[in-house]
C-alpha atoms as a PDB file:
ATOM      1  CA  MET A   1      50.482 -71.175 -27.364  1.00  0.00           C
ATOM      2  CA  ILE A   2      54.047 -72.169 -26.526  1.00  0.00           C
ATOM      3  CA  ALA A   3      55.044 -73.179 -22.992  1.00  0.00           C
ATOM      4  CA  ILE A   4      58.253 -71.686 -21.604  1.00  0.00           C
ATOM      5  CA  PRO A   5      60.190 -72.120 -18.350  1.00  0.00           C
ATOM      6  CA  PRO A   6      58.568 -69.967 -15.639  1.00  0.00           C
ATOM      7  CA  ASN A   7      59.997 -66.469 -15.599  1.00  0.00           C
ATOM      8  CA  SER A   8      59.251 -63.284 -13.724  1.00  0.00           C
ATOM      9  CA  THR A   9      59.911 -61.085 -16.783  1.00  0.00           C
ATOM     10  CA  PRO A  10      57.924 -61.239 -20.058  1.00  0.00           C
ATOM     11  CA  GLU A  11      60.028 -61.777 -23.178  1.00  0.00           C
ATOM     12  CA  PHE A  12      57.277 -60.209 -25.295  1.00  0.00           C
ATOM     13  CA  PRO A  13      55.441 -57.576 -23.203  1.00  0.00           C
ATOM     14  CA  TRP A  14      51.782 -56.942 -24.023  1.00  0.00           C
ATOM     15  CA  SER A  15      51.212 -54.630 -26.965  1.00  0.00           C
ATOM     16  CA  PRO A  16      48.580 -54.556 -29.728  1.00  0.00           C
ATOM     17  CA  ASN A  17      51.466 -54.423 -32.205  1.00  0.00           C
ATOM     18  CA  GLN A  18      52.483 -57.967 -31.300  1.00  0.00           C
ATOM     19  CA  PHE A  19      49.307 -59.237 -32.972  1.00  0.00           C
ATOM     20  CA  ASP A  20      50.427 -58.510 -36.522  1.00  0.00           C
ATOM     21  CA  ALA A  21      50.735 -60.373 -39.833  1.00  0.00           C
ATOM     22  CA  GLY A  22      53.511 -62.494 -38.336  1.00  0.00           C
ATOM     23  CA  TYR A  23      51.251 -63.627 -35.506  1.00  0.00           C
ATOM     24  CA  TYR A  24      48.239 -64.248 -37.760  1.00  0.00           C
ATOM     25  CA  GLY A  25      49.689 -66.798 -40.149  1.00  0.00           C
ATOM     26  CA  GLY A  26      53.451 -66.707 -39.600  1.00  0.00           C
ATOM     27  CA  GLN A  27      53.551 -68.434 -36.189  1.00  0.00           C
ATOM     28  CA  ALA A  28      55.504 -65.521 -34.731  1.00  0.00           C
ATOM     29  CA  ARG A  29      55.810 -65.559 -30.918  1.00  0.00           C
ATOM     30  CA  GLY A  30      53.742 -68.727 -30.628  1.00  0.00           C
ATOM     31  CA  GLY A  31      51.025 -67.469 -32.953  1.00  0.00           C
ATOM     32  CA  PHE A  32      49.008 -69.077 -35.733  1.00  0.00           C
ATOM     33  CA  GLY A  33      50.006 -70.759 -38.971  1.00  0.00           C
ATOM     34  CA  GLU A  34      47.786 -71.660 -41.912  1.00  0.00           C
ATOM     35  CA  GLU A  35      45.093 -72.952 -39.545  1.00  0.00           C
ATOM     36  CA  ILE A  36      43.935 -69.378 -38.847  1.00  0.00           C
ATOM     37  CA  LYS A  37      42.563 -69.066 -42.382  1.00  0.00           C
ATOM     38  CA  TRP A  38      38.795 -69.345 -42.818  1.00  0.00           C
ATOM     39  CA  GLU A  39      39.016 -72.093 -45.446  1.00  0.00           C
ATOM     40  CA  HIS A  40      41.339 -74.314 -43.388  1.00  0.00           C
ATOM     41  CA  ALA A  41      39.634 -77.503 -42.167  1.00  0.00           C
ATOM     42  CA  GLN A  42      41.027 -77.096 -38.656  1.00  0.00           C
ATOM     43  CA  GLN A  43      39.600 -73.587 -38.438  1.00  0.00           C
ATOM     44  CA  GLN A  44      36.149 -74.818 -39.410  1.00  0.00           C
ATOM     45  CA  VAL A  45      36.282 -77.603 -36.824  1.00  0.00           C
ATOM     46  CA  GLU A  46      37.297 -75.105 -34.148  1.00  0.00           C
ATOM     47  CA  LEU A  47      34.498 -72.709 -35.097  1.00  0.00           C
ATOM     48  CA  GLN A  48      31.924 -75.503 -35.022  1.00  0.00           C
ATOM     49  CA  ASN A  49      33.154 -76.550 -31.575  1.00  0.00           C
ATOM     50  CA  LYS A  50      32.703 -72.996 -30.298  1.00  0.00           C
ATOM     51  CA  PHE A  51      29.209 -72.829 -31.770  1.00  0.00           C
ATOM     52  CA  ASP A  52      28.271 -76.150 -30.148  1.00  0.00           C
ATOM     53  CA  ILE A  53      29.635 -75.085 -26.740  1.00  0.00           C
ATOM     54  CA  LEU A  54      27.575 -71.887 -26.729  1.00  0.00           C
ATOM     55  CA  LYS A  55      24.455 -73.594 -28.083  1.00  0.00           C
ATOM     56  CA  GLU A  56      24.479 -76.363 -25.479  1.00  0.00           C
ATOM     57  CA  GLU A  57      24.301 -73.742 -22.730  1.00  0.00           C
ATOM     58  CA  GLY A  58      20.900 -72.606 -24.028  1.00  0.00           C
ATOM     59  CA  ASP A  59      19.317 -70.578 -26.796  1.00  0.00           C
ATOM     60  CA  PHE A  60      20.700 -67.148 -27.628  1.00  0.00           C
ATOM     61  CA  ARG A  61      20.384 -64.454 -30.252  1.00  0.00           C
ATOM     62  CA  ARG A  62      23.086 -61.842 -29.691  1.00  0.00           C
ATOM     63  CA  VAL A  63      26.691 -62.806 -28.979  1.00  0.00           C
ATOM     64  CA  LEU A  64      29.787 -60.658 -28.482  1.00  0.00           C
ATOM     65  CA  PHE A  65      33.269 -62.094 -29.043  1.00  0.00           C
ATOM     66  CA  VAL A  66      35.936 -60.351 -26.997  1.00  0.00           C
ATOM     67  CA  GLY A  67      39.201 -60.717 -28.893  1.00  0.00           C
ATOM     68  CA  CYS A  68      37.652 -61.816 -32.184  1.00  0.00           C
ATOM     69  CA  ALA A  69      40.925 -61.760 -34.171  1.00  0.00           C
ATOM     70  CA  LEU A  70      40.183 -61.927 -37.924  1.00  0.00           C
ATOM     71  CA  GLY A  71      36.430 -62.081 -37.303  1.00  0.00           C
ATOM     72  CA  ASN A  72      36.000 -65.750 -38.163  1.00  0.00           C
ATOM     73  CA  GLU A  73      33.772 -66.347 -35.144  1.00  0.00           C
ATOM     74  CA  VAL A  74      31.563 -63.409 -36.084  1.00  0.00           C
ATOM     75  CA  ARG A  75      31.293 -64.678 -39.653  1.00  0.00           C
ATOM     76  CA  PHE A  76      30.567 -68.297 -38.646  1.00  0.00           C
ATOM     77  CA  PHE A  77      27.841 -67.349 -36.167  1.00  0.00           C
ATOM     78  CA  ARG A  78      26.259 -64.784 -38.518  1.00  0.00           C
ATOM     79  CA  GLU A  79      26.032 -67.419 -41.239  1.00  0.00           C
ATOM     80  CA  ARG A  80      24.023 -69.495 -38.747  1.00  0.00           C
ATOM     81  CA  GLY A  81      21.501 -66.792 -37.968  1.00  0.00           C
ATOM     82  CA  LYS A  82      23.035 -65.240 -34.859  1.00  0.00           C
ATOM     83  CA  GLN A  83      23.567 -61.524 -34.301  1.00  0.00           C
ATOM     84  CA  ALA A  84      27.298 -61.762 -33.691  1.00  0.00           C
ATOM     85  CA  TYR A  85      29.680 -58.897 -32.959  1.00  0.00           C
ATOM     86  CA  GLY A  86      33.373 -58.705 -32.159  1.00  0.00           C
ATOM     87  CA  VAL A  87      35.920 -56.400 -30.564  1.00  0.00           C
ATOM     88  CA  GLU A  88      39.650 -56.698 -31.144  1.00  0.00           C
ATOM     89  CA  ILE A  89      42.835 -54.814 -30.175  1.00  0.00           C
ATOM     90  CA  SER A  90      44.813 -55.689 -33.309  1.00  0.00           C
ATOM     91  CA  GLU A  91      44.662 -53.099 -36.083  1.00  0.00           C
ATOM     92  CA  TYR A  92      45.984 -55.740 -38.492  1.00  0.00           C
ATOM     93  CA  ALA A  93      43.226 -58.211 -37.608  1.00  0.00           C
ATOM     94  CA  VAL A  94      40.413 -55.668 -37.887  1.00  0.00           C
ATOM     95  CA  ALA A  95      41.745 -54.377 -41.224  1.00  0.00           C
ATOM     96  CA  ASN A  96      41.980 -57.910 -42.601  1.00  0.00           C
ATOM     97  CA  CYS A  97      38.707 -59.426 -41.443  1.00  0.00           C
ATOM     98  CA  HIS A  98      36.353 -60.668 -44.157  1.00  0.00           C
ATOM     99  CA  GLU A  99      34.389 -58.002 -45.988  1.00  0.00           C
ATOM    100  CA  SER A 100      31.102 -59.614 -44.941  1.00  0.00           C
ATOM    101  CA  VAL A 101      31.702 -58.868 -41.231  1.00  0.00           C
ATOM    102  CA  LYS A 102      33.635 -55.589 -41.262  1.00  0.00           C
ATOM    103  CA  ARG A 103      30.588 -53.652 -40.048  1.00  0.00           C
ATOM    104  CA  TRP A 104      30.321 -55.859 -36.947  1.00  0.00           C
ATOM    105  CA  VAL A 105      34.006 -56.063 -35.960  1.00  0.00           C
ATOM    106  CA  HIS A 106      35.422 -53.065 -34.088  1.00  0.00           C
ATOM    107  CA  LEU A 107      38.844 -52.005 -32.876  1.00  0.00           C
ATOM    108  CA  TYR A 108      38.916 -51.257 -29.140  1.00  0.00           C
ATOM    109  CA  ASP A 109      41.437 -50.430 -26.433  1.00  0.00           C
ATOM    110  CA  GLY A 110      41.327 -53.801 -24.645  1.00  0.00           C
ATOM    111  CA  TRP A 111      38.675 -53.064 -22.043  1.00  0.00           C
ATOM    112  CA  ASN A 112      36.205 -50.284 -22.923  1.00  0.00           C
ATOM    113  CA  LEU A 113      32.897 -51.612 -24.281  1.00  0.00           C
ATOM    114  CA  ALA A 114      31.147 -48.233 -24.064  1.00  0.00           C
ATOM    115  CA  ARG A 115      29.611 -48.611 -27.524  1.00  0.00           C
ATOM    116  CA  ILE A 116      27.461 -51.461 -26.136  1.00  0.00           C
ATOM    117  CA  THR A 117      24.376 -50.740 -24.030  1.00  0.00           C
ATOM    118  CA  ASN A 118      23.866 -52.377 -20.626  1.00  0.00           C
ATOM    119  CA  LYS A 119      22.453 -55.924 -20.646  1.00  0.00           C
ATOM    120  CA  THR A 120      21.921 -56.172 -24.405  1.00  0.00           C
ATOM    121  CA  ILE A 121      24.132 -59.191 -25.209  1.00  0.00           C
ATOM    122  CA  ASP A 122      22.876 -62.719 -24.534  1.00  0.00           C
ATOM    123  CA  ILE A 123      26.342 -64.292 -24.436  1.00  0.00           C
ATOM    124  CA  VAL A 124      29.714 -62.621 -24.052  1.00  0.00           C
ATOM    125  CA  ALA A 125      32.369 -65.100 -25.170  1.00  0.00           C
ATOM    126  CA  SER A 126      36.151 -65.018 -25.196  1.00  0.00           C
ATOM    127  CA  PHE A 127      38.385 -67.854 -26.330  1.00  0.00           C
ATOM    128  CA  ASP A 128      42.111 -67.994 -25.470  1.00  0.00           C
ATOM    129  CA  VAL A 129      42.374 -64.210 -25.091  1.00  0.00           C
ATOM    130  CA  LEU A 130      41.850 -63.036 -21.509  1.00  0.00           C
ATOM    131  CA  THR A 131      44.941 -64.724 -20.076  1.00  0.00           C
ATOM    132  CA  LEU A 132      47.101 -62.676 -22.470  1.00  0.00           C
ATOM    133  CA  MET A 133      46.034 -59.348 -21.002  1.00  0.00           C
ATOM    134  CA  PRO A 134      47.842 -57.259 -18.385  1.00  0.00           C
ATOM    135  CA  ASP A 135      46.270 -57.619 -14.941  1.00  0.00           C
ATOM    136  CA  GLU A 136      45.122 -54.012 -14.716  1.00  0.00           C
ATOM    137  CA  MET A 137      43.418 -54.204 -18.119  1.00  0.00           C
ATOM    138  CA  LEU A 138      41.680 -57.478 -17.284  1.00  0.00           C
ATOM    139  CA  ARG A 139      40.378 -55.973 -14.038  1.00  0.00           C
ATOM    140  CA  LYS A 140      38.734 -53.212 -16.083  1.00  0.00           C
ATOM    141  CA  LEU A 141      37.450 -55.478 -18.847  1.00  0.00           C
ATOM    142  CA  ALA A 142      35.712 -58.024 -16.601  1.00  0.00           C
ATOM    143  CA  PRO A 143      33.183 -55.481 -15.192  1.00  0.00           C
ATOM    144  CA  GLU A 144      32.504 -54.279 -18.726  1.00  0.00           C
ATOM    145  CA  MET A 145      31.748 -57.823 -19.878  1.00  0.00           C
ATOM    146  CA  LEU A 146      29.415 -58.253 -16.909  1.00  0.00           C
ATOM    147  CA  ARG A 147      27.739 -54.904 -17.615  1.00  0.00           C
ATOM    148  CA  VAL A 148      26.791 -55.635 -21.229  1.00  0.00           C
ATOM    149  CA  CYS A 149      25.804 -59.281 -20.661  1.00  0.00           C
ATOM    150  CA  ARG A 150      22.289 -60.325 -19.739  1.00  0.00           C
ATOM    151  CA  ASN A 151      22.563 -64.131 -19.701  1.00  0.00           C
ATOM    152  CA  ARG A 152      25.942 -65.894 -19.849  1.00  0.00           C
ATOM    153  CA  ILE A 153      29.674 -65.302 -20.041  1.00  0.00           C
ATOM    154  CA  VAL A 154      31.696 -68.135 -21.584  1.00  0.00           C
ATOM    155  CA  ILE A 155      35.484 -68.096 -21.579  1.00  0.00           C
ATOM    156  CA  ARG A 156      38.164 -70.585 -22.528  1.00  0.00           C
ATOM    157  CA  THR A 157      41.581 -70.072 -21.011  1.00  0.00           C
ATOM    158  CA  PRO A 158      44.643 -71.876 -19.653  1.00  0.00           C
ATOM    159  CA  VAL A 159      44.468 -72.199 -15.869  1.00  0.00           C
ATOM    160  CA  ASP A 160      47.036 -72.582 -13.100  1.00  0.00           C
ATOM    161  CA  LYS A 161      45.258 -75.673 -11.797  1.00  0.00           C
ATOM    162  CA  ALA A 162      47.780 -76.584  -9.116  1.00  0.00           C
ATOM    163  CA  SER A 163      48.186 -72.982  -7.949  1.00  0.00           C
ATOM    164  CA  ASP A 164      51.945 -73.432  -8.147  1.00  0.00           C
ATOM    165  CA  GLN A 165      52.937 -71.019 -10.930  1.00  0.00           C
ATOM    166  CA  HIS A 166      53.066 -68.084  -8.497  1.00  0.00           C
ATOM    167  CA  GLY A 167      52.085 -65.525 -11.116  1.00  0.00           C
ATOM    168  CA  GLN A 168      55.123 -66.180 -13.280  1.00  0.00           C
ATOM    169  CA  TYR A 169      55.087 -66.008 -17.058  1.00  0.00           C
ATOM    170  CA  VAL A 170      54.721 -69.511 -18.496  1.00  0.00           C
ATOM    171  CA  GLY A 171      54.070 -69.178 -22.232  1.00  0.00           C
ATOM    172  CA  HIS A 172      54.046 -67.190 -25.462  1.00  0.00           C
ATOM    173  CA  ASP A 173      50.972 -66.475 -27.558  1.00  0.00           C
ATOM    174  CA  GLY A 174      51.741 -63.254 -29.374  1.00  0.00           C
ATOM    175  CA  VAL A 175      52.733 -61.857 -25.987  1.00  0.00           C
ATOM    176  CA  THR A 176      54.217 -63.592 -22.968  1.00  0.00           C
ATOM    177  CA  PHE A 177      51.416 -64.730 -20.675  1.00  0.00           C
ATOM    178  CA  ARG A 178      50.802 -66.034 -17.188  1.00  0.00           C
ATOM    179  CA  CYS A 179      47.849 -68.025 -15.884  1.00  0.00           C
ATOM    180  CA  LEU A 180      45.290 -67.296 -13.198  1.00  0.00           C
ATOM    181  CA  THR A 181      44.001 -69.988 -10.874  1.00  0.00           C
ATOM    182  CA  HIS A 182      40.455 -71.341 -11.036  1.00  0.00           C
ATOM    183  CA  ASP A 183      39.479 -69.248  -8.013  1.00  0.00           C
ATOM    184  CA  GLN A 184      40.963 -66.086  -9.514  1.00  0.00           C
ATOM    185  CA  TRP A 185      38.850 -66.476 -12.660  1.00  0.00           C
ATOM    186  CA  CYS A 186      35.784 -66.925 -10.480  1.00  0.00           C
ATOM    187  CA  GLU A 187      36.640 -63.795  -8.482  1.00  0.00           C
ATOM    188  CA  LEU A 188      36.598 -61.819 -11.723  1.00  0.00           C
ATOM    189  CA  PHE A 189      33.282 -63.063 -13.091  1.00  0.00           C
ATOM    190  CA  ALA A 190      31.212 -64.709 -10.312  1.00  0.00           C
ATOM    191  CA  ARG A 191      29.725 -61.419  -9.106  1.00  0.00           C
ATOM    192  CA  ASP A 192      27.211 -58.700 -10.025  1.00  0.00           C
ATOM    193  CA  GLY A 193      24.487 -61.340 -10.156  1.00  0.00           C
ATOM    194  CA  PHE A 194      26.546 -63.896 -12.081  1.00  0.00           C
ATOM    195  CA  LYS A 195      27.449 -67.292 -10.663  1.00  0.00           C
ATOM    196  CA  LEU A 196      29.730 -70.037 -11.927  1.00  0.00           C
ATOM    197  CA  LYS A 197      27.424 -72.506 -13.663  1.00  0.00           C
ATOM    198  CA  ARG A 198      30.144 -74.960 -14.551  1.00  0.00           C
ATOM    199  CA  SER A 199      33.807 -75.278 -15.493  1.00  0.00           C
ATOM    200  CA  PHE A 200      35.372 -78.134 -17.394  1.00  0.00           C
ATOM    201  CA  ASP A 201      38.516 -79.157 -19.273  1.00  0.00           C
ATOM    202  CA  SER A 202      38.712 -78.332 -22.952  1.00  0.00           C
ATOM    203  CA  ASN A 203      40.443 -81.672 -23.718  1.00  0.00           C
ATOM    204  CA  SER A 204      42.559 -80.028 -26.426  1.00  0.00           C
ATOM    205  CA  VAL A 205      45.317 -78.184 -24.558  1.00  0.00           C
ATOM    206  CA  PRO A 206      46.720 -79.260 -21.152  1.00  0.00           C
ATOM    207  CA  ASN A 207      45.333 -77.194 -18.253  1.00  0.00           C
ATOM    208  CA  GLU A 208      42.952 -75.316 -20.567  1.00  0.00           C
ATOM    209  CA  MET A 209      39.411 -74.928 -19.254  1.00  0.00           C
ATOM    210  CA  TYR A 210      36.004 -73.522 -20.124  1.00  0.00           C
ATOM    211  CA  PHE A 211      34.110 -71.402 -17.620  1.00  0.00           C
ATOM    212  CA  VAL A 212      30.400 -70.641 -17.880  1.00  0.00           C
ATOM    213  CA  PHE A 213      29.048 -67.849 -15.686  1.00  0.00           C
ATOM    214  CA  SER A 214      25.295 -67.334 -15.687  1.00  0.00           C
ATOM    215  CA  CYS A 215      22.835 -64.889 -14.175  1.00  0.00           C
ATOM    216  CA  LEU A 216      19.781 -66.968 -15.131  1.00  0.00           C
END
């Protein structure tokens, strides 16, 4: 993610086409470099951190990654005995995920999880993805995540902590993004039986936080 001066107009409007080969490996529009590759040491550290975060919240069997990119999360968790699945808006990413996880990674339209039955996923997780989405799409996706989840929703996202960004665009990560406040994230997910269990800083990117919503 690249910070930019606050602006009311996105330089790179949201589109699945922005998440292409340039974004996944070429650092285009604030995207990834070599660290996105499975064999890169930084990628393995990041995947282990995600596994540890989800595990410390309690035992689980089935996990869905919303915005799973090249499927590395699905692969890492499957190799550790979890029934992991992923959905992704990028045709490039889905086409180039590892052969071992192609059957569990699906292209979707950014919000519709209709292929997943109600309350069948232990944890729905999304890392650094939801803040990139248009508001209207996020408002449709959040209820879908709540619908399919039976235990916990875990997200990691940049947050407008001081509530002073006024909805302006503040960064690039494939597309130009803006941040919600802490309360706005809670309004999206602390409902339908789910409550905020805890939120905490990620300690890797300024103003980035984890949120854990639980219905247990």
